[in-house]
């Protein structure tokens, strides 16, 4: 599945691993990806929307600010 807008695009797919099923979220343009298990996915639902706004303040982590 592809989800996109004018700012971002991600692909999402179910992946079978030796440790069980994971959801792979991939940003093809940036080359980032992550595999999340069911507990990690559920934990996203526990977050307030403000948590994601904080992620966007430094979208690539604190390393992005180092030269």
PDB file of N, CA and C in Angstrom:
ATOM      1  N   UNK A   1       0.849  -1.154   0.000  1.00  0.00           N
ATOM      2  CA  UNK A   1       0.000   0.000   0.000  1.00  0.00           C
ATOM      3  C   UNK A   1       0.902   1.227   0.000  1.00  0.00           C
ATOM      4  N   UNK A   2       0.503   2.244  -0.718  1.00  0.00           N
ATOM      5  CA  UNK A   2       1.229   3.510  -0.746  1.00  0.00           C
ATOM      6  C   UNK A   2       0.326   4.586  -0.173  1.00  0.00           C
ATOM      7  N   UNK A   3       0.872   5.384   0.741  1.00  0.00           N
ATOM      8  CA  UNK A   3       0.167   6.533   1.299  1.00  0.00           C
ATOM      9  C   UNK A   3       1.039   7.743   1.034  1.00  0.00           C
ATOM     10  N   UNK A   4       0.453   8.783   0.440  1.00  0.00           N
ATOM     11  CA  UNK A   4       1.256   9.959   0.113  1.00  0.00           C
ATOM     12  C   UNK A   4       0.414  11.220   0.104  1.00  0.00           C
ATOM     13  N   UNK A   5       1.116  12.329   0.189  1.00  0.00           N
ATOM     14  CA  UNK A   5       0.534  13.649  -0.024  1.00  0.00           C
ATOM     15  C   UNK A   5       1.615  14.503  -0.670  1.00  0.00           C
ATOM     16  N   UNK A   6       1.459  15.805  -0.672  1.00  0.00           N
ATOM     17  CA  UNK A   6       2.440  16.669  -1.327  1.00  0.00           C
ATOM     18  C   UNK A   6       3.764  16.747  -0.568  1.00  0.00           C
ATOM     19  N   UNK A   7       3.807  16.257   0.675  1.00  0.00           N
ATOM     20  CA  UNK A   7       5.008  16.363   1.505  1.00  0.00           C
ATOM     21  C   UNK A   7       5.763  15.048   1.698  1.00  0.00           C
ATOM     22  N   UNK A   8       5.074  13.932   1.621  1.00  0.00           N
ATOM     23  CA  UNK A   8       5.711  12.663   1.957  1.00  0.00           C
ATOM     24  C   UNK A   8       5.028  11.503   1.243  1.00  0.00           C
ATOM     25  N   UNK A   9       5.771  10.393   1.146  1.00  0.00           N
ATOM     26  CA  UNK A   9       5.222   9.158   0.611  1.00  0.00           C
ATOM     27  C   UNK A   9       5.831   7.996   1.388  1.00  0.00           C
ATOM     28  N   UNK A  10       4.984   7.058   1.809  1.00  0.00           N
ATOM     29  CA  UNK A  10       5.469   5.842   2.464  1.00  0.00           C
ATOM     30  C   UNK A  10       4.784   4.646   1.826  1.00  0.00           C
ATOM     31  N   UNK A  11       5.506   3.525   1.865  1.00  0.00           N
ATOM     32  CA  UNK A  11       4.899   2.257   1.481  1.00  0.00           C
ATOM     33  C   UNK A  11       4.738   1.438   2.747  1.00  0.00           C
ATOM     34  N   UNK A  12       3.678   0.668   2.794  1.00  0.00           N
ATOM     35  CA  UNK A  12       3.378  -0.151   3.967  1.00  0.00           C
ATOM     36  C   UNK A  12       3.094  -1.562   3.474  1.00  0.00           C
ATOM     37  N   UNK A  13       3.721  -2.542   4.142  1.00  0.00           N
ATOM     38  CA  UNK A  13       3.450  -3.935   3.786  1.00  0.00           C
ATOM     39  C   UNK A  13       3.634  -4.840   4.987  1.00  0.00           C
ATOM     40  N   UNK A  14       2.941  -5.946   4.964  1.00  0.00           N
ATOM     41  CA  UNK A  14       3.065  -6.970   6.000  1.00  0.00           C
ATOM     42  C   UNK A  14       4.236  -7.868   5.620  1.00  0.00           C
ATOM     43  N   UNK A  15       5.114  -8.148   6.589  1.00  0.00           N
ATOM     44  CA  UNK A  15       6.308  -8.943   6.348  1.00  0.00           C
ATOM     45  C   UNK A  15       6.337 -10.103   7.339  1.00  0.00           C
ATOM     46  N   UNK A  16       6.551 -11.309   6.836  1.00  0.00           N
ATOM     47  CA  UNK A  16       6.731 -12.478   7.703  1.00  0.00           C
ATOM     48  C   UNK A  16       8.213 -12.591   8.044  1.00  0.00           C
ATOM     49  N   UNK A  17       8.531 -12.570   9.331  1.00  0.00           N
ATOM     50  CA  UNK A  17       9.913 -12.731   9.774  1.00  0.00           C
ATOM     51  C   UNK A  17       9.997 -13.985  10.632  1.00  0.00           C
ATOM     52  N   UNK A  18      11.184 -14.386  10.991  1.00  0.00           N
ATOM     53  CA  UNK A  18      11.321 -15.563  11.857  1.00  0.00           C
ATOM     54  C   UNK A  18      10.781 -15.302  13.258  1.00  0.00           C
ATOM     55  N   UNK A  19      10.569 -14.020  13.592  1.00  0.00           N
ATOM     56  CA  UNK A  19       9.998 -13.649  14.892  1.00  0.00           C
ATOM     57  C   UNK A  19       8.524 -13.278  14.805  1.00  0.00           C
ATOM     58  N   UNK A  20       7.895 -13.586  13.684  1.00  0.00           N
ATOM     59  CA  UNK A  20       6.477 -13.292  13.529  1.00  0.00           C
ATOM     60  C   UNK A  20       6.227 -12.197  12.500  1.00  0.00           C
ATOM     61  N   UNK A  21       4.975 -11.853  12.371  1.00  0.00           N
ATOM     62  CA  UNK A  21       4.563 -10.858  11.384  1.00  0.00           C
ATOM     63  C   UNK A  21       4.922  -9.462  11.884  1.00  0.00           C
ATOM     64  N   UNK A  22       5.424  -8.645  10.966  1.00  0.00           N
ATOM     65  CA  UNK A  22       5.762  -7.253  11.248  1.00  0.00           C
ATOM     66  C   UNK A  22       5.127  -6.378  10.177  1.00  0.00           C
ATOM     67  N   UNK A  23       4.913  -5.134  10.503  1.00  0.00           N
ATOM     68  CA  UNK A  23       4.480  -4.148   9.521  1.00  0.00           C
ATOM     69  C   UNK A  23       5.712  -3.351   9.126  1.00  0.00           C
ATOM     70  N   UNK A  24       6.021  -3.344   7.846  1.00  0.00           N
ATOM     71  CA  UNK A  24       7.153  -2.562   7.361  1.00  0.00           C
ATOM     72  C   UNK A  24       6.625  -1.243   6.827  1.00  0.00           C
ATOM     73  N   UNK A  25       7.183  -0.160   7.337  1.00  0.00           N
ATOM     74  CA  UNK A  25       6.874   1.178   6.845  1.00  0.00           C
ATOM     75  C   UNK A  25       8.163   1.701   6.231  1.00  0.00           C
ATOM     76  N   UNK A  26       8.088   2.100   4.963  1.00  0.00           N
ATOM     77  CA  UNK A  26       9.291   2.491   4.227  1.00  0.00           C
ATOM     78  C   UNK A  26       9.079   3.846   3.559  1.00  0.00           C
ATOM     79  N   UNK A  27      10.102   4.681   3.631  1.00  0.00           N
ATOM     80  CA  UNK A  27      10.125   5.952   2.911  1.00  0.00           C
ATOM     81  C   UNK A  27      11.116   5.803   1.755  1.00  0.00           C
ATOM     82  N   UNK A  28      10.638   5.432   0.570  1.00  0.00           N
ATOM     83  CA  UNK A  28      11.552   5.175  -0.536  1.00  0.00           C
ATOM     84  C   UNK A  28      12.413   6.386  -0.909  1.00  0.00           C
ATOM     85  N   UNK A  29      11.837   7.556  -0.857  1.00  0.00           N
ATOM     86  CA  UNK A  29      12.563   8.769  -1.241  1.00  0.00           C
ATOM     87  C   UNK A  29      13.745   9.031  -0.306  1.00  0.00           C
ATOM     88  N   UNK A  30      13.553   8.805   0.998  1.00  0.00           N
ATOM     89  CA  UNK A  30      14.594   9.105   1.981  1.00  0.00           C
ATOM     90  C   UNK A  30      15.449   7.893   2.326  1.00  0.00           C
ATOM     91  N   UNK A  31      14.970   6.703   1.976  1.00  0.00           N
ATOM     92  CA  UNK A  31      15.737   5.496   2.259  1.00  0.00           C
ATOM     93  C   UNK A  31      15.609   4.984   3.684  1.00  0.00           C
ATOM     94  N   UNK A  32      14.616   5.442   4.430  1.00  0.00           N
ATOM     95  CA  UNK A  32      14.382   4.967   5.796  1.00  0.00           C
ATOM     96  C   UNK A  32      13.329   3.885   5.788  1.00  0.00           C
ATOM     97  N   UNK A  33      13.427   2.952   6.752  1.00  0.00           N
ATOM     98  CA  UNK A  33      12.366   1.973   6.938  1.00  0.00           C
ATOM     99  C   UNK A  33      12.404   1.458   8.377  1.00  0.00           C
ATOM    100  N   UNK A  34      11.274   0.882   8.781  1.00  0.00           N
ATOM    101  CA  UNK A  34      11.169   0.314  10.120  1.00  0.00           C
ATOM    102  C   UNK A  34      10.226  -0.882  10.058  1.00  0.00           C
ATOM    103  N   UNK A  35      10.508  -1.887  10.861  1.00  0.00           N
ATOM    104  CA  UNK A  35       9.628  -3.039  11.036  1.00  0.00           C
ATOM    105  C   UNK A  35       9.033  -2.954  12.440  1.00  0.00           C
ATOM    106  N   UNK A  36       7.717  -2.991  12.543  1.00  0.00           N
ATOM    107  CA  UNK A  36       7.043  -2.880  13.838  1.00  0.00           C
ATOM    108  C   UNK A  36       6.234  -4.131  14.123  1.00  0.00           C
ATOM    109  N   UNK A  37       6.347  -4.635  15.359  1.00  0.00           N
ATOM    110  CA  UNK A  37       5.548  -5.789  15.763  1.00  0.00           C
ATOM    111  C   UNK A  37       4.202  -5.299  16.302  1.00  0.00           C
ATOM    112  N   UNK A  38       3.267  -6.222  16.579  1.00  0.00           N
ATOM    113  CA  UNK A  38       1.941  -5.802  17.034  1.00  0.00           C
ATOM    114  C   UNK A  38       1.958  -4.910  18.287  1.00  0.00           C
ATOM    115  N   UNK A  39       2.814  -5.211  19.270  1.00  0.00           N
ATOM    116  CA  UNK A  39       2.863  -4.387  20.488  1.00  0.00           C
ATOM    117  C   UNK A  39       3.361  -2.975  20.156  1.00  0.00           C
ATOM    118  N   UNK A  40       4.359  -2.881  19.305  1.00  0.00           N
ATOM    119  CA  UNK A  40       4.864  -1.553  18.925  1.00  0.00           C
ATOM    120  C   UNK A  40       3.800  -0.760  18.179  1.00  0.00           C
ATOM    121  N   UNK A  41       3.062  -1.428  17.314  1.00  0.00           N
ATOM    122  CA  UNK A  41       1.973  -0.748  16.604  1.00  0.00           C
ATOM    123  C   UNK A  41       0.885  -0.293  17.564  1.00  0.00           C
ATOM    124  N   UNK A  42       0.525  -1.176  18.495  1.00  0.00           N
ATOM    125  CA  UNK A  42      -0.507  -0.797  19.462  1.00  0.00           C
ATOM    126  C   UNK A  42      -0.063   0.397  20.296  1.00  0.00           C
ATOM    127  N   UNK A  43       1.221   0.450  20.629  1.00  0.00           N
ATOM    128  CA  UNK A  43       1.704   1.548  21.470  1.00  0.00           C
ATOM    129  C   UNK A  43       1.546   2.908  20.780  1.00  0.00           C
ATOM    130  N   UNK A  44       1.506   2.909  19.457  1.00  0.00           N
ATOM    131  CA  UNK A  44       1.255   4.166  18.738  1.00  0.00           C
ATOM    132  C   UNK A  44      -0.110   4.728  19.123  1.00  0.00           C
ATOM    133  N   UNK A  45      -1.084   3.856  19.332  1.00  0.00           N
ATOM    134  CA  UNK A  45      -2.435   4.326  19.648  1.00  0.00           C
ATOM    135  C   UNK A  45      -2.527   4.931  21.043  1.00  0.00           C
ATOM    136  N   UNK A  46      -1.535   4.663  21.886  1.00  0.00           N
ATOM    137  CA  UNK A  46      -1.546   5.217  23.239  1.00  0.00           C
ATOM    138  C   UNK A  46      -1.076   6.667  23.262  1.00  0.00           C
ATOM    139  N   UNK A  47      -0.492   7.138  22.172  1.00  0.00           N
ATOM    140  CA  UNK A  47       0.142   8.459  22.144  1.00  0.00           C
ATOM    141  C   UNK A  47      -0.864   9.567  21.851  1.00  0.00           C
ATOM    142  N   UNK A  48      -0.596  10.715  22.424  1.00  0.00           N
ATOM    143  CA  UNK A  48      -1.346  11.904  22.078  1.00  0.00           C
ATOM    144  C   UNK A  48      -0.802  12.423  20.742  1.00  0.00           C
ATOM    145  N   UNK A  49      -1.626  13.088  19.977  1.00  0.00           N
ATOM    146  CA  UNK A  49      -1.193  13.582  18.670  1.00  0.00           C
ATOM    147  C   UNK A  49       0.003  14.524  18.794  1.00  0.00           C
ATOM    148  N   UNK A  50       0.133  15.219  19.911  1.00  0.00           N
ATOM    149  CA  UNK A  50       1.248  16.143  20.124  1.00  0.00           C
ATOM    150  C   UNK A  50       2.603  15.436  20.061  1.00  0.00           C
ATOM    151  N   UNK A  51       2.650  14.157  20.409  1.00  0.00           N
ATOM    152  CA  UNK A  51       3.905  13.395  20.337  1.00  0.00           C
ATOM    153  C   UNK A  51       4.429  13.401  18.909  1.00  0.00           C
ATOM    154  N   UNK A  52       3.547  13.234  17.942  1.00  0.00           N
ATOM    155  CA  UNK A  52       3.966  13.194  16.545  1.00  0.00           C
ATOM    156  C   UNK A  52       4.398  14.576  16.062  1.00  0.00           C
ATOM    157  N   UNK A  53       3.782  15.606  16.582  1.00  0.00           N
ATOM    158  CA  UNK A  53       4.222  16.972  16.259  1.00  0.00           C
ATOM    159  C   UNK A  53       5.648  17.192  16.750  1.00  0.00           C
ATOM    160  N   UNK A  54       5.979  16.643  17.912  1.00  0.00           N
ATOM    161  CA  UNK A  54       7.343  16.743  18.432  1.00  0.00           C
ATOM    162  C   UNK A  54       8.325  16.016  17.526  1.00  0.00           C
ATOM    163  N   UNK A  55       7.932  14.876  16.972  1.00  0.00           N
ATOM    164  CA  UNK A  55       8.792  14.155  16.030  1.00  0.00           C
ATOM    165  C   UNK A  55       9.145  15.041  14.844  1.00  0.00           C
ATOM    166  N   UNK A  56       8.180  15.818  14.390  1.00  0.00           N
ATOM    167  CA  UNK A  56       8.390  16.650  13.204  1.00  0.00           C
ATOM    168  C   UNK A  56       9.279  17.858  13.473  1.00  0.00           C
ATOM    169  N   UNK A  57       9.469  18.223  14.743  1.00  0.00           N
ATOM    170  CA  UNK A  57      10.378  19.321  15.073  1.00  0.00           C
ATOM    171  C   UNK A  57      11.806  18.973  14.689  1.00  0.00           C
ATOM    172  N   UNK A  58      12.210  17.725  14.880  1.00  0.00           N
ATOM    173  CA  UNK A  58      13.514  17.221  14.436  1.00  0.00           C
ATOM    174  C   UNK A  58      13.255  15.883  13.746  1.00  0.00           C
ATOM    175  N   UNK A  59      12.748  15.928  12.506  1.00  0.00           N
ATOM    176  CA  UNK A  59      12.268  14.722  11.853  1.00  0.00           C
ATOM    177  C   UNK A  59      13.319  13.639  11.641  1.00  0.00           C
ATOM    178  N   UNK A  60      14.583  13.980  11.598  1.00  0.00           N
ATOM    179  CA  UNK A  60      15.616  12.988  11.370  1.00  0.00           C
ATOM    180  C   UNK A  60      16.467  12.778  12.603  1.00  0.00           C
ATOM    181  N   UNK A  61      15.950  13.199  13.759  1.00  0.00           N
ATOM    182  CA  UNK A  61      16.665  13.031  15.020  1.00  0.00           C
ATOM    183  C   UNK A  61      17.693  14.124  15.231  1.00  0.00           C
ATOM    184  N   UNK A  62      18.304  14.120  16.393  1.00  0.00           N
ATOM    185  CA  UNK A  62      19.248  15.180  16.739  1.00  0.00           C
ATOM    186  C   UNK A  62      20.513  15.134  15.887  1.00  0.00           C
ATOM    187  N   UNK A  63      20.811  13.982  15.283  1.00  0.00           N
ATOM    188  CA  UNK A  63      21.997  13.862  14.429  1.00  0.00           C
ATOM    189  C   UNK A  63      21.911  14.780  13.219  1.00  0.00           C
ATOM    190  N   UNK A  64      20.703  15.088  12.769  1.00  0.00           N
ATOM    191  CA  UNK A  64      20.530  15.917  11.583  1.00  0.00           C
ATOM    192  C   UNK A  64      21.063  17.321  11.786  1.00  0.00           C
ATOM    193  N   UNK A  65      21.210  17.748  13.042  1.00  0.00           N
ATOM    194  CA  UNK A  65      21.666  19.101  13.324  1.00  0.00           C
ATOM    195  C   UNK A  65      23.181  19.203  13.416  1.00  0.00           C
ATOM    196  N   UNK A  66      23.864  18.087  13.369  1.00  0.00           N
ATOM    197  CA  UNK A  66      25.323  18.081  13.461  1.00  0.00           C
ATOM    198  C   UNK A  66      25.925  18.173  12.074  1.00  0.00           C
ATOM    199  N   UNK A  67      27.013  18.902  11.952  1.00  0.00           N
ATOM    200  CA  UNK A  67      27.691  18.987  10.654  1.00  0.00           C
ATOM    201  C   UNK A  67      29.073  18.431  10.736  1.00  0.00           C
TER     202      UNK A  67
END
